[in-house]
PDB file of all heavy atoms in Angstrom:
ATOM      1  N   VAL A   1       0.849  -1.192   0.000  1.00  0.00           N
ATOM      2  CA  VAL A   1       0.000   0.000   0.000  1.00  0.00           C
ATOM      3  C   VAL A   1       0.886   1.243   0.000  1.00  0.00           C
ATOM      4  O   VAL A   1       1.695   1.415   0.913  1.00  0.00           O
ATOM      5  CB  VAL A   1      -0.928   0.026   1.229  1.00  0.00           C
ATOM      6  CG1 VAL A   1      -1.773   1.300   1.236  1.00  0.00           C
ATOM      7  CG2 VAL A   1      -1.825  -1.206   1.255  1.00  0.00           C
ATOM      8  N   PRO A   2       0.766   2.106  -1.014  1.00  0.00           N
ATOM      9  CA  PRO A   2       1.511   3.371  -0.990  1.00  0.00           C
ATOM     10  C   PRO A   2       0.980   4.296   0.099  1.00  0.00           C
ATOM     11  O   PRO A   2      -0.234   4.428   0.281  1.00  0.00           O
ATOM     12  CB  PRO A   2       1.273   3.969  -2.376  1.00  0.00           C
ATOM     13  CG  PRO A   2       0.698   2.856  -3.197  1.00  0.00           C
ATOM     14  CD  PRO A   2      -0.013   1.962  -2.244  1.00  0.00           C
ATOM     15  N   VAL A   3       1.899   4.911   0.829  1.00  0.00           N
ATOM     16  CA  VAL A   3       1.530   5.849   1.901  1.00  0.00           C
ATOM     17  C   VAL A   3       2.288   7.148   1.665  1.00  0.00           C
ATOM     18  O   VAL A   3       3.524   7.151   1.590  1.00  0.00           O
ATOM     19  CB  VAL A   3       1.866   5.272   3.292  1.00  0.00           C
ATOM     20  CG1 VAL A   3       1.492   6.276   4.382  1.00  0.00           C
ATOM     21  CG2 VAL A   3       1.152   3.950   3.512  1.00  0.00           C
ATOM     22  N   GLN A   4       1.543   8.235   1.528  1.00  0.00           N
ATOM     23  CA  GLN A   4       2.176   9.534   1.333  1.00  0.00           C
ATOM     24  C   GLN A   4       2.370  10.223   2.679  1.00  0.00           C
ATOM     25  O   GLN A   4       1.558  10.064   3.607  1.00  0.00           O
ATOM     26  CB  GLN A   4       1.306  10.419   0.445  1.00  0.00           C
ATOM     27  CG  GLN A   4       1.974  11.735   0.069  1.00  0.00           C
ATOM     28  CD  GLN A   4       1.197  12.518  -0.968  1.00  0.00           C
ATOM     29  OE1 GLN A   4       0.156  12.067  -1.424  1.00  0.00           O
ATOM     30  NE2 GLN A   4       1.690  13.680  -1.337  1.00  0.00           N
ATOM     31  N   TRP A   5       3.473  10.960   2.788  1.00  0.00           N
ATOM     32  CA  TRP A   5       3.727  11.742   3.995  1.00  0.00           C
ATOM     33  C   TRP A   5       4.041  13.181   3.621  1.00  0.00           C
ATOM     34  O   TRP A   5       4.510  13.461   2.518  1.00  0.00           O
ATOM     35  CB  TRP A   5       4.866  11.146   4.814  1.00  0.00           C
ATOM     36  CG  TRP A   5       6.139  10.872   4.049  1.00  0.00           C
ATOM     37  CD1 TRP A   5       6.529   9.685   3.510  1.00  0.00           C
ATOM     38  CD2 TRP A   5       7.181  11.812   3.744  1.00  0.00           C
ATOM     39  NE1 TRP A   5       7.743   9.815   2.877  1.00  0.00           N
ATOM     40  CE2 TRP A   5       8.167  11.112   3.012  1.00  0.00           C
ATOM     41  CE3 TRP A   5       7.377  13.162   4.012  1.00  0.00           C
ATOM     42  CZ2 TRP A   5       9.337  11.715   2.539  1.00  0.00           C
ATOM     43  CZ3 TRP A   5       8.542  13.782   3.555  1.00  0.00           C
ATOM     44  CH2 TRP A   5       9.507  13.055   2.830  1.00  0.00           C
ATOM     45  N   GLU A   6       3.755  14.060   4.541  1.00  0.00           N
ATOM     46  CA  GLU A   6       4.036  15.484   4.379  1.00  0.00           C
ATOM     47  C   GLU A   6       4.637  16.045   5.650  1.00  0.00           C
ATOM     48  O   GLU A   6       4.266  15.638   6.767  1.00  0.00           O
ATOM     49  CB  GLU A   6       2.750  16.273   4.088  1.00  0.00           C
ATOM     50  CG  GLU A   6       2.228  16.136   2.685  1.00  0.00           C
ATOM     51  CD  GLU A   6       1.085  17.110   2.436  1.00  0.00           C
ATOM     52  OE1 GLU A   6       0.266  17.311   3.346  1.00  0.00           O
ATOM     53  OE2 GLU A   6       1.023  17.672   1.331  1.00  0.00           O
ATOM     54  N   VAL A   7       5.540  16.998   5.492  1.00  0.00           N
ATOM     55  CA  VAL A   7       6.137  17.732   6.613  1.00  0.00           C
ATOM     56  C   VAL A   7       5.934  19.207   6.346  1.00  0.00           C
ATOM     57  O   VAL A   7       6.200  19.694   5.236  1.00  0.00           O
ATOM     58  CB  VAL A   7       7.637  17.416   6.752  1.00  0.00           C
ATOM     59  CG1 VAL A   7       8.250  18.229   7.891  1.00  0.00           C
ATOM     60  CG2 VAL A   7       7.850  15.922   6.988  1.00  0.00           C
ATOM     61  N   ALA A   8       5.473  19.915   7.369  1.00  0.00           N
ATOM     62  CA  ALA A   8       5.163  21.333   7.218  1.00  0.00           C
ATOM     63  C   ALA A   8       5.718  22.136   8.373  1.00  0.00           C
ATOM     64  O   ALA A   8       6.010  21.598   9.450  1.00  0.00           O
ATOM     65  CB  ALA A   8       3.645  21.543   7.122  1.00  0.00           C
ATOM     66  N   GLU A   9       5.834  23.428   8.151  1.00  0.00           N
ATOM     67  CA  GLU A   9       6.295  24.334   9.203  1.00  0.00           C
ATOM     68  C   GLU A   9       5.178  24.744  10.144  1.00  0.00           C
ATOM     69  O   GLU A   9       5.447  25.347  11.185  1.00  0.00           O
ATOM     70  CB  GLU A   9       6.914  25.584   8.571  1.00  0.00           C
ATOM     71  CG  GLU A   9       8.206  25.302   7.814  1.00  0.00           C
ATOM     72  CD  GLU A   9       8.807  26.563   7.228  1.00  0.00           C
ATOM     73  OE1 GLU A   9       8.063  27.563   7.073  1.00  0.00           O
ATOM     74  OE2 GLU A   9      10.014  26.555   6.928  1.00  0.00           O
ATOM     75  N   ASP A  10       3.941  24.443   9.789  1.00  0.00           N
ATOM     76  CA  ASP A  10       2.803  24.838  10.615  1.00  0.00           C
ATOM     77  C   ASP A  10       1.857  23.658  10.762  1.00  0.00           C
ATOM     78  O   ASP A  10       1.838  22.746   9.935  1.00  0.00           O
ATOM     79  CB  ASP A  10       2.069  26.024   9.996  1.00  0.00           C
ATOM     80  CG  ASP A  10       1.449  25.665   8.660  1.00  0.00           C
ATOM     81  OD1 ASP A  10       2.226  25.340   7.725  1.00  0.00           O
ATOM     82  OD2 ASP A  10       0.214  25.649   8.558  1.00  0.00           O
ATOM     83  N   ALA A  11       1.053  23.682  11.802  1.00  0.00           N
ATOM     84  CA  ALA A  11       0.208  22.545  12.138  1.00  0.00           C
ATOM     85  C   ALA A  11      -0.954  22.352  11.180  1.00  0.00           C
ATOM     86  O   ALA A  11      -1.555  21.275  11.156  1.00  0.00           O
ATOM     87  CB  ALA A  11      -0.333  22.714  13.569  1.00  0.00           C
ATOM     88  N   ARG A  12      -1.282  23.360  10.376  1.00  0.00           N
ATOM     89  CA  ARG A  12      -2.367  23.223   9.409  1.00  0.00           C
ATOM     90  C   ARG A  12      -1.858  23.049   7.983  1.00  0.00           C
ATOM     91  O   ARG A  12      -2.621  23.088   7.025  1.00  0.00           O
ATOM     92  CB  ARG A  12      -3.324  24.408   9.520  1.00  0.00           C
ATOM     93  CG  ARG A  12      -3.971  24.483  10.900  1.00  0.00           C
ATOM     94  CD  ARG A  12      -5.161  25.423  10.962  1.00  0.00           C
ATOM     95  NE  ARG A  12      -5.748  25.412  12.286  1.00  0.00           N
ATOM     96  CZ  ARG A  12      -6.609  24.506  12.732  1.00  0.00           C
ATOM     97  NH1 ARG A  12      -6.993  23.528  11.926  1.00  0.00           N
ATOM     98  NH2 ARG A  12      -7.084  24.567  13.956  1.00  0.00           N
ATOM     99  N   PHE A  13      -0.567  22.883   7.839  1.00  0.00           N
ATOM    100  CA  PHE A  13       0.051  22.499   6.578  1.00  0.00           C
ATOM    101  C   PHE A  13      -0.152  23.537   5.476  1.00  0.00           C
ATOM    102  O   PHE A  13      -0.315  23.200   4.310  1.00  0.00           O
ATOM    103  CB  PHE A  13      -0.446  21.104   6.150  1.00  0.00           C
ATOM    104  CG  PHE A  13       0.060  20.007   7.053  1.00  0.00           C
ATOM    105  CD1 PHE A  13      -0.542  19.771   8.284  1.00  0.00           C
ATOM    106  CD2 PHE A  13       1.152  19.249   6.693  1.00  0.00           C
ATOM    107  CE1 PHE A  13      -0.066  18.793   9.128  1.00  0.00           C
ATOM    108  CE2 PHE A  13       1.643  18.258   7.534  1.00  0.00           C
ATOM    109  CZ  PHE A  13       1.032  18.031   8.765  1.00  0.00           C
ATOM    110  N   ARG A  14      -0.098  24.783   5.870  1.00  0.00           N
ATOM    111  CA  ARG A  14      -0.119  25.843   4.857  1.00  0.00           C
ATOM    112  C   ARG A  14       1.243  25.997   4.205  1.00  0.00           C
ATOM    113  O   ARG A  14       1.351  26.499   3.079  1.00  0.00           O
ATOM    114  CB  ARG A  14      -0.552  27.165   5.498  1.00  0.00           C
ATOM    115  CG  ARG A  14      -1.980  27.182   6.045  1.00  0.00           C
ATOM    116  CD  ARG A  14      -2.377  28.584   6.502  1.00  0.00           C
ATOM    117  NE  ARG A  14      -3.737  28.617   7.055  1.00  0.00           N
ATOM    118  CZ  ARG A  14      -4.019  28.536   8.354  1.00  0.00           C
ATOM    119  NH1 ARG A  14      -3.016  28.424   9.225  1.00  0.00           N
ATOM    120  NH2 ARG A  14      -5.253  28.575   8.773  1.00  0.00           N
ATOM    121  N   HIS A  15       2.318  25.585   4.946  1.00  0.00           N
ATOM    122  CA  HIS A  15       3.683  25.733   4.445  1.00  0.00           C
ATOM    123  C   HIS A  15       4.373  24.366   4.462  1.00  0.00           C
ATOM    124  O   HIS A  15       5.192  24.067   5.322  1.00  0.00           O
ATOM    125  CB  HIS A  15       4.455  26.746   5.301  1.00  0.00           C
ATOM    126  CG  HIS A  15       3.805  28.081   5.367  1.00  0.00           C
ATOM    127  ND1 HIS A  15       3.803  28.971   4.321  1.00  0.00           N
ATOM    128  CD2 HIS A  15       3.099  28.674   6.371  1.00  0.00           C
ATOM    129  CE1 HIS A  15       3.147  30.062   4.661  1.00  0.00           C
ATOM    130  NE2 HIS A  15       2.704  29.911   5.891  1.00  0.00           N
ATOM    131  N   VAL A  16       4.011  23.538   3.486  1.00  0.00           N
ATOM    132  CA  VAL A  16       4.605  22.206   3.359  1.00  0.00           C
ATOM    133  C   VAL A  16       6.016  22.357   2.801  1.00  0.00           C
ATOM    134  O   VAL A  16       6.230  23.051   1.794  1.00  0.00           O
ATOM    135  CB  VAL A  16       3.753  21.315   2.445  1.00  0.00           C
ATOM    136  CG1 VAL A  16       4.452  19.979   2.194  1.00  0.00           C
ATOM    137  CG2 VAL A  16       2.376  21.082   3.073  1.00  0.00           C
ATOM    138  N   VAL A  17       6.990  21.703   3.451  1.00  0.00           N
ATOM    139  CA  VAL A  17       8.382  21.824   3.018  1.00  0.00           C
ATOM    140  C   VAL A  17       8.935  20.518   2.445  1.00  0.00           C
ATOM    141  O   VAL A  17       9.933  20.534   1.724  1.00  0.00           O
ATOM    142  CB  VAL A  17       9.277  22.310   4.178  1.00  0.00           C
ATOM    143  CG1 VAL A  17       8.897  23.726   4.595  1.00  0.00           C
ATOM    144  CG2 VAL A  17       9.206  21.355   5.369  1.00  0.00           C
ATOM    145  N   ARG A  18       8.323  19.399   2.770  1.00  0.00           N
ATOM    146  CA  ARG A  18       8.758  18.124   2.225  1.00  0.00           C
ATOM    147  C   ARG A  18       7.543  17.221   2.043  1.00  0.00           C
ATOM    148  O   ARG A  18       6.614  17.233   2.847  1.00  0.00           O
ATOM    149  CB  ARG A  18       9.782  17.425   3.133  1.00  0.00           C
ATOM    150  CG  ARG A  18      11.168  18.028   3.099  1.00  0.00           C
ATOM    151  CD  ARG A  18      11.849  17.792   1.767  1.00  0.00           C
ATOM    152  NE  ARG A  18      13.194  18.333   1.708  1.00  0.00           N
ATOM    153  CZ  ARG A  18      13.502  19.571   1.342  1.00  0.00           C
ATOM    154  NH1 ARG A  18      12.528  20.432   1.033  1.00  0.00           N
ATOM    155  NH2 ARG A  18      14.757  19.970   1.295  1.00  0.00           N
ATOM    156  N   ARG A  19       7.588  16.425   0.974  1.00  0.00           N
ATOM    157  CA  ARG A  19       6.505  15.487   0.684  1.00  0.00           C
ATOM    158  C   ARG A  19       7.127  14.259   0.037  1.00  0.00           C
ATOM    159  O   ARG A  19       8.076  14.370  -0.743  1.00  0.00           O
ATOM    160  CB  ARG A  19       5.498  16.132  -0.262  1.00  0.00           C
ATOM    161  CG  ARG A  19       4.343  15.233  -0.666  1.00  0.00           C
ATOM    162  CD  ARG A  19       3.410  15.943  -1.637  1.00  0.00           C
ATOM    163  NE  ARG A  19       2.608  16.956  -0.957  1.00  0.00           N
ATOM    164  CZ  ARG A  19       2.485  18.208  -1.356  1.00  0.00           C
ATOM    165  NH1 ARG A  19       3.168  18.638  -2.411  1.00  0.00           N
ATOM    166  NH2 ARG A  19       1.702  19.044  -0.707  1.00  0.00           N
ATOM    167  N   GLY A  20       6.640  13.082   0.373  1.00  0.00           N
ATOM    168  CA  GLY A  20       7.205  11.881  -0.203  1.00  0.00           C
ATOM    169  C   GLY A  20       6.252  10.713  -0.135  1.00  0.00           C
ATOM    170  O   GLY A  20       5.123  10.826   0.367  1.00  0.00           O
ATOM    171  N   LEU A  21       6.706   9.575  -0.644  1.00  0.00           N
ATOM    172  CA  LEU A  21       5.896   8.372  -0.722  1.00  0.00           C
ATOM    173  C   LEU A  21       6.715   7.187  -0.249  1.00  0.00           C
ATOM    174  O   LEU A  21       7.849   6.995  -0.682  1.00  0.00           O
ATOM    175  CB  LEU A  21       5.437   8.138  -2.166  1.00  0.00           C
ATOM    176  CG  LEU A  21       4.437   7.008  -2.408  1.00  0.00           C
ATOM    177  CD1 LEU A  21       3.072   7.396  -1.867  1.00  0.00           C
ATOM    178  CD2 LEU A  21       4.344   6.704  -3.902  1.00  0.00           C
ATOM    179  N   ASP A  22       6.164   6.414   0.676  1.00  0.00           N
ATOM    180  CA  ASP A  22       6.766   5.159   1.106  1.00  0.00           C
ATOM    181  C   ASP A  22       5.762   4.041   0.899  1.00  0.00           C
ATOM    182  O   ASP A  22       4.545   4.277   0.794  1.00  0.00           O
ATOM    183  CB  ASP A  22       7.181   5.236   2.574  1.00  0.00           C
ATOM    184  CG  ASP A  22       8.584   5.812   2.742  1.00  0.00           C
ATOM    185  OD1 ASP A  22       8.845   6.932   2.273  1.00  0.00           O
ATOM    186  OD2 ASP A  22       9.416   5.134   3.336  1.00  0.00           O
ATOM    187  N   LEU A  23       6.265   2.819   0.856  1.00  0.00           N
ATOM    188  CA  LEU A  23       5.421   1.659   0.629  1.00  0.00           C
ATOM    189  C   LEU A  23       5.272   0.862   1.918  1.00  0.00           C
ATOM    190  O   LEU A  23       6.268   0.480   2.535  1.00  0.00           O
ATOM    191  CB  LEU A  23       6.016   0.768  -0.458  1.00  0.00           C
ATOM    192  CG  LEU A  23       6.184   1.421  -1.829  1.00  0.00           C
ATOM    193  CD1 LEU A  23       6.820   0.431  -2.805  1.00  0.00           C
ATOM    194  CD2 LEU A  23       4.864   1.947  -2.357  1.00  0.00           C
ATOM    195  N   ALA A  24       4.024   0.655   2.329  1.00  0.00           N
ATOM    196  CA  ALA A  24       3.721  -0.178   3.490  1.00  0.00           C
ATOM    197  C   ALA A  24       3.517  -1.604   2.999  1.00  0.00           C
ATOM    198  O   ALA A  24       2.584  -1.874   2.230  1.00  0.00           O
ATOM    199  CB  ALA A  24       2.481   0.331   4.211  1.00  0.00           C
ATOM    200  N   THR A  25       4.388  -2.514   3.406  1.00  0.00           N
ATOM    201  CA  THR A  25       4.365  -3.885   2.895  1.00  0.00           C
ATOM    202  C   THR A  25       3.847  -4.850   3.949  1.00  0.00           C
ATOM    203  O   THR A  25       4.064  -4.658   5.152  1.00  0.00           O
ATOM    204  CB  THR A  25       5.772  -4.329   2.469  1.00  0.00           C
ATOM    205  OG1 THR A  25       6.601  -4.446   3.638  1.00  0.00           O
ATOM    206  CG2 THR A  25       6.398  -3.330   1.505  1.00  0.00           C
ATOM    207  N   PRO A  26       3.169  -5.917   3.505  1.00  0.00           N
ATOM    208  CA  PRO A  26       2.709  -6.916   4.484  1.00  0.00           C
ATOM    209  C   PRO A  26       3.868  -7.597   5.196  1.00  0.00           C
ATOM    210  O   PRO A  26       3.728  -8.039   6.338  1.00  0.00           O
ATOM    211  CB  PRO A  26       1.906  -7.908   3.628  1.00  0.00           C
ATOM    212  CG  PRO A  26       2.345  -7.684   2.224  1.00  0.00           C
ATOM    213  CD  PRO A  26       2.746  -6.245   2.136  1.00  0.00           C
ATOM    214  N   GLU A  27       5.044  -7.684   4.543  1.00  0.00           N
ATOM    215  CA  GLU A  27       6.201  -8.330   5.170  1.00  0.00           C
ATOM    216  C   GLU A  27       6.649  -7.603   6.432  1.00  0.00           C
ATOM    217  O   GLU A  27       7.210  -8.215   7.339  1.00  0.00           O
ATOM    218  CB  GLU A  27       7.358  -8.398   4.178  1.00  0.00           C
ATOM    219  CG  GLU A  27       7.140  -9.366   3.027  1.00  0.00           C
ATOM    220  CD  GLU A  27       6.232  -8.806   1.942  1.00  0.00           C
ATOM    221  OE1 GLU A  27       5.928  -7.587   1.966  1.00  0.00           O
ATOM    222  OE2 GLU A  27       5.819  -9.582   1.059  1.00  0.00           O
ATOM    223  N   LEU A  28       6.423  -6.291   6.500  1.00  0.00           N
ATOM    224  CA  LEU A  28       6.770  -5.518   7.697  1.00  0.00           C
ATOM    225  C   LEU A  28       5.514  -4.973   8.381  1.00  0.00           C
ATOM    226  O   LEU A  28       5.510  -3.896   8.962  1.00  0.00           O
ATOM    227  CB  LEU A  28       7.718  -4.373   7.334  1.00  0.00           C
ATOM    228  CG  LEU A  28       9.143  -4.801   6.983  1.00  0.00           C
ATOM    229  CD1 LEU A  28       9.978  -3.594   6.548  1.00  0.00           C
ATOM    230  CD2 LEU A  28       9.814  -5.505   8.161  1.00  0.00           C
ATOM    231  N   GLY A  29       4.443  -5.752   8.320  1.00  0.00           N
ATOM    232  CA  GLY A  29       3.237  -5.411   9.060  1.00  0.00           C
ATOM    233  C   GLY A  29       2.589  -4.123   8.612  1.00  0.00           C
ATOM    234  O   GLY A  29       1.865  -3.495   9.380  1.00  0.00           O
ATOM    235  N   HIS A  30       2.826  -3.701   7.358  1.00  0.00           N
ATOM    236  CA  HIS A  30       2.318  -2.437   6.831  1.00  0.00           C
ATOM    237  C   HIS A  30       2.757  -1.248   7.692  1.00  0.00           C
ATOM    238  O   HIS A  30       2.014  -0.283   7.879  1.00  0.00           O
ATOM    239  CB  HIS A  30       0.795  -2.460   6.678  1.00  0.00           C
ATOM    240  CG  HIS A  30       0.341  -3.333   5.539  1.00  0.00           C
ATOM    241  ND1 HIS A  30      -0.108  -4.625   5.728  1.00  0.00           N
ATOM    242  CD2 HIS A  30       0.289  -3.106   4.199  1.00  0.00           C
ATOM    243  CE1 HIS A  30      -0.422  -5.157   4.559  1.00  0.00           C
ATOM    244  NE2 HIS A  30      -0.183  -4.267   3.608  1.00  0.00           N
ATOM    245  N   SER A  31       3.977  -1.347   8.219  1.00  0.00           N
ATOM    246  CA  SER A  31       4.555  -0.207   8.929  1.00  0.00           C
ATOM    247  C   SER A  31       5.285   0.692   7.939  1.00  0.00           C
ATOM    248  O   SER A  31       5.697   0.255   6.862  1.00  0.00           O
ATOM    249  CB  SER A  31       5.517  -0.678  10.021  1.00  0.00           C
ATOM    250  OG  SER A  31       6.598  -1.414   9.462  1.00  0.00           O
ATOM    251  N   VAL A  32       5.437   1.951   8.313  1.00  0.00           N
ATOM    252  CA  VAL A  32       6.118   2.944   7.490  1.00  0.00           C
ATOM    253  C   VAL A  32       7.223   3.581   8.323  1.00  0.00           C
ATOM    254  O   VAL A  32       6.977   3.990   9.466  1.00  0.00           O
ATOM    255  CB  VAL A  32       5.140   4.031   6.985  1.00  0.00           C
ATOM    256  CG1 VAL A  32       5.886   5.112   6.202  1.00  0.00           C
ATOM    257  CG2 VAL A  32       4.042   3.408   6.134  1.00  0.00           C
ATOM    258  N   HIS A  33       8.407   3.648   7.762  1.00  0.00           N
ATOM    259  CA  HIS A  33       9.542   4.329   8.394  1.00  0.00           C
ATOM    260  C   HIS A  33      10.118   5.291   7.361  1.00  0.00           C
ATOM    261  O   HIS A  33      11.039   4.953   6.615  1.00  0.00           O
ATOM    262  CB  HIS A  33      10.604   3.322   8.841  1.00  0.00           C
ATOM    263  CG  HIS A  33      10.121   2.320   9.844  1.00  0.00           C
ATOM    264  ND1 HIS A  33       9.340   1.232   9.503  1.00  0.00           N
ATOM    265  CD2 HIS A  33      10.304   2.232  11.188  1.00  0.00           C
ATOM    266  CE1 HIS A  33       9.068   0.527  10.591  1.00  0.00           C
ATOM    267  NE2 HIS A  33       9.650   1.105  11.623  1.00  0.00           N
ATOM    268  N   ALA A  34       9.547   6.465   7.283  1.00  0.00           N
ATOM    269  CA  ALA A  34       9.940   7.455   6.263  1.00  0.00           C
ATOM    270  C   ALA A  34      11.099   8.287   6.793  1.00  0.00           C
ATOM    271  O   ALA A  34      10.951   9.006   7.788  1.00  0.00           O
ATOM    272  CB  ALA A  34       8.760   8.352   5.921  1.00  0.00           C
ATOM    273  N   GLU A  35      12.245   8.198   6.123  1.00  0.00           N
ATOM    274  CA  GLU A  35      13.422   8.958   6.538  1.00  0.00           C
ATOM    275  C   GLU A  35      13.441  10.277   5.769  1.00  0.00           C
ATOM    276  O   GLU A  35      13.753  10.305   4.578  1.00  0.00           O
ATOM    277  CB  GLU A  35      14.690   8.138   6.303  1.00  0.00           C
ATOM    278  CG  GLU A  35      14.714   6.886   7.166  1.00  0.00           C
ATOM    279  CD  GLU A  35      16.044   6.154   7.123  1.00  0.00           C
ATOM    280  OE1 GLU A  35      17.064   6.784   6.789  1.00  0.00           O
ATOM    281  OE2 GLU A  35      16.042   4.944   7.426  1.00  0.00           O
ATOM    282  N   VAL A  36      13.104  11.338   6.458  1.00  0.00           N
ATOM    283  CA  VAL A  36      12.976  12.664   5.855  1.00  0.00           C
ATOM    284  C   VAL A  36      14.300  13.407   5.990  1.00  0.00           C
ATOM    285  O   VAL A  36      14.911  13.401   7.061  1.00  0.00           O
ATOM    286  CB  VAL A  36      11.848  13.468   6.539  1.00  0.00           C
ATOM    287  CG1 VAL A  36      11.681  14.826   5.873  1.00  0.00           C
ATOM    288  CG2 VAL A  36      10.542  12.678   6.502  1.00  0.00           C
ATOM    289  N   SER A  37      14.738  14.031   4.943  1.00  0.00           N
ATOM    290  CA  SER A  37      15.948  14.863   4.976  1.00  0.00           C
ATOM    291  C   SER A  37      15.632  16.210   4.336  1.00  0.00           C
ATOM    292  O   SER A  37      14.524  16.433   3.829  1.00  0.00           O
ATOM    293  CB  SER A  37      17.104  14.175   4.249  1.00  0.00           C
ATOM    294  OG  SER A  37      16.763  13.932   2.890  1.00  0.00           O
ATOM    295  N   GLY A  38      16.598  17.113   4.363  1.00  0.00           N
ATOM    296  CA  GLY A  38      16.410  18.418   3.763  1.00  0.00           C
ATOM    297  C   GLY A  38      15.689  19.419   4.641  1.00  0.00           C
ATOM    298  O   GLY A  38      15.261  20.478   4.154  1.00  0.00           O
ATOM    299  N   LEU A  39      15.546  19.113   5.931  1.00  0.00           N
ATOM    300  CA  LEU A  39      14.910  20.043   6.855  1.00  0.00           C
ATOM    301  C   LEU A  39      15.954  20.980   7.459  1.00  0.00           C
ATOM    302  O   LEU A  39      17.157  20.758   7.352  1.00  0.00           O
ATOM    303  CB  LEU A  39      14.180  19.281   7.961  1.00  0.00           C
ATOM    304  CG  LEU A  39      13.110  18.284   7.496  1.00  0.00           C
ATOM    305  CD1 LEU A  39      12.474  17.596   8.699  1.00  0.00           C
ATOM    306  CD2 LEU A  39      12.049  18.962   6.638  1.00  0.00           C
ATOM    307  N   ARG A  40      15.495  22.024   8.113  1.00  0.00           N
ATOM    308  CA  ARG A  40      16.379  22.975   8.776  1.00  0.00           C
ATOM    309  C   ARG A  40      16.709  22.460  10.180  1.00  0.00           C
ATOM    310  O   ARG A  40      15.897  21.821  10.834  1.00  0.00           O
ATOM    311  CB  ARG A  40      15.722  24.351   8.844  1.00  0.00           C
ATOM    312  CG  ARG A  40      15.418  24.951   7.480  1.00  0.00           C
ATOM    313  CD  ARG A  40      14.502  26.147   7.600  1.00  0.00           C
ATOM    314  NE  ARG A  40      15.157  27.264   8.276  1.00  0.00           N
ATOM    315  CZ  ARG A  40      14.511  28.347   8.706  1.00  0.00           C
ATOM    316  NH1 ARG A  40      13.200  28.447   8.551  1.00  0.00           N
ATOM    317  NH2 ARG A  40      15.176  29.318   9.293  1.00  0.00           N
ATOM    318  N   ALA A  41      17.906  22.748  10.625  1.00  0.00           N
ATOM    319  CA  ALA A  41      18.359  22.278  11.930  1.00  0.00           C
ATOM    320  C   ALA A  41      17.648  23.004  13.067  1.00  0.00           C
ATOM    321  O   ALA A  41      17.314  24.189  12.951  1.00  0.00           O
ATOM    322  CB  ALA A  41      19.868  22.474  12.056  1.00  0.00           C
ATOM    323  N   ASP A  42      17.438  22.266  14.150  1.00  0.00           N
ATOM    324  CA  ASP A  42      16.912  22.836  15.396  1.00  0.00           C
ATOM    325  C   ASP A  42      15.601  23.578  15.163  1.00  0.00           C
ATOM    326  O   ASP A  42      15.404  24.695  15.608  1.00  0.00           O
ATOM    327  CB  ASP A  42      17.953  23.774  16.015  1.00  0.00           C
ATOM    328  CG  ASP A  42      17.717  24.002  17.506  1.00  0.00           C
ATOM    329  OD1 ASP A  42      16.943  23.232  18.109  1.00  0.00           O
ATOM    330  OD2 ASP A  42      18.310  24.948  18.060  1.00  0.00           O
ATOM    331  N   ARG A  43      14.676  22.926  14.432  1.00  0.00           N
ATOM    332  CA  ARG A  43      13.396  23.532  14.086  1.00  0.00           C
ATOM    333  C   ARG A  43      12.249  22.584  14.414  1.00  0.00           C
ATOM    334  O   ARG A  43      12.381  21.368  14.351  1.00  0.00           O
ATOM    335  CB  ARG A  43      13.327  23.880  12.592  1.00  0.00           C
ATOM    336  CG  ARG A  43      14.287  24.949  12.131  1.00  0.00           C
ATOM    337  CD  ARG A  43      13.921  26.325  12.692  1.00  0.00           C
ATOM    338  NE  ARG A  43      14.705  27.388  12.070  1.00  0.00           N
ATOM    339  CZ  ARG A  43      15.914  27.765  12.455  1.00  0.00           C
ATOM    340  NH1 ARG A  43      16.497  27.135  13.480  1.00  0.00           N
ATOM    341  NH2 ARG A  43      16.555  28.746  11.845  1.00  0.00           N
ATOM    342  N   GLU A  44      11.116  23.175  14.733  1.00  0.00           N
ATOM    343  CA  GLU A  44       9.883  22.429  14.956  1.00  0.00           C
ATOM    344  C   GLU A  44       9.174  22.207  13.626  1.00  0.00           C
ATOM    345  O   GLU A  44       9.099  23.110  12.794  1.00  0.00           O
ATOM    346  CB  GLU A  44       8.986  23.227  15.908  1.00  0.00           C
ATOM    347  CG  GLU A  44       7.649  22.601  16.206  1.00  0.00           C
ATOM    348  CD  GLU A  44       6.783  23.514  17.070  1.00  0.00           C
ATOM    349  OE1 GLU A  44       6.366  24.586  16.579  1.00  0.00           O
ATOM    350  OE2 GLU A  44       6.532  23.158  18.231  1.00  0.00           O
TER     351      GLU A  44
END
């Protein structure tokens, strides 16, 4: 199952800074471990 993720600077996602797609597989219990990079240091 494809699972999309988004990272934003605000809680209502008006300023999305990263977006990606990971695959949830039955072999790993349909878990997702999305490794996000390209963010700013020491930021919420």
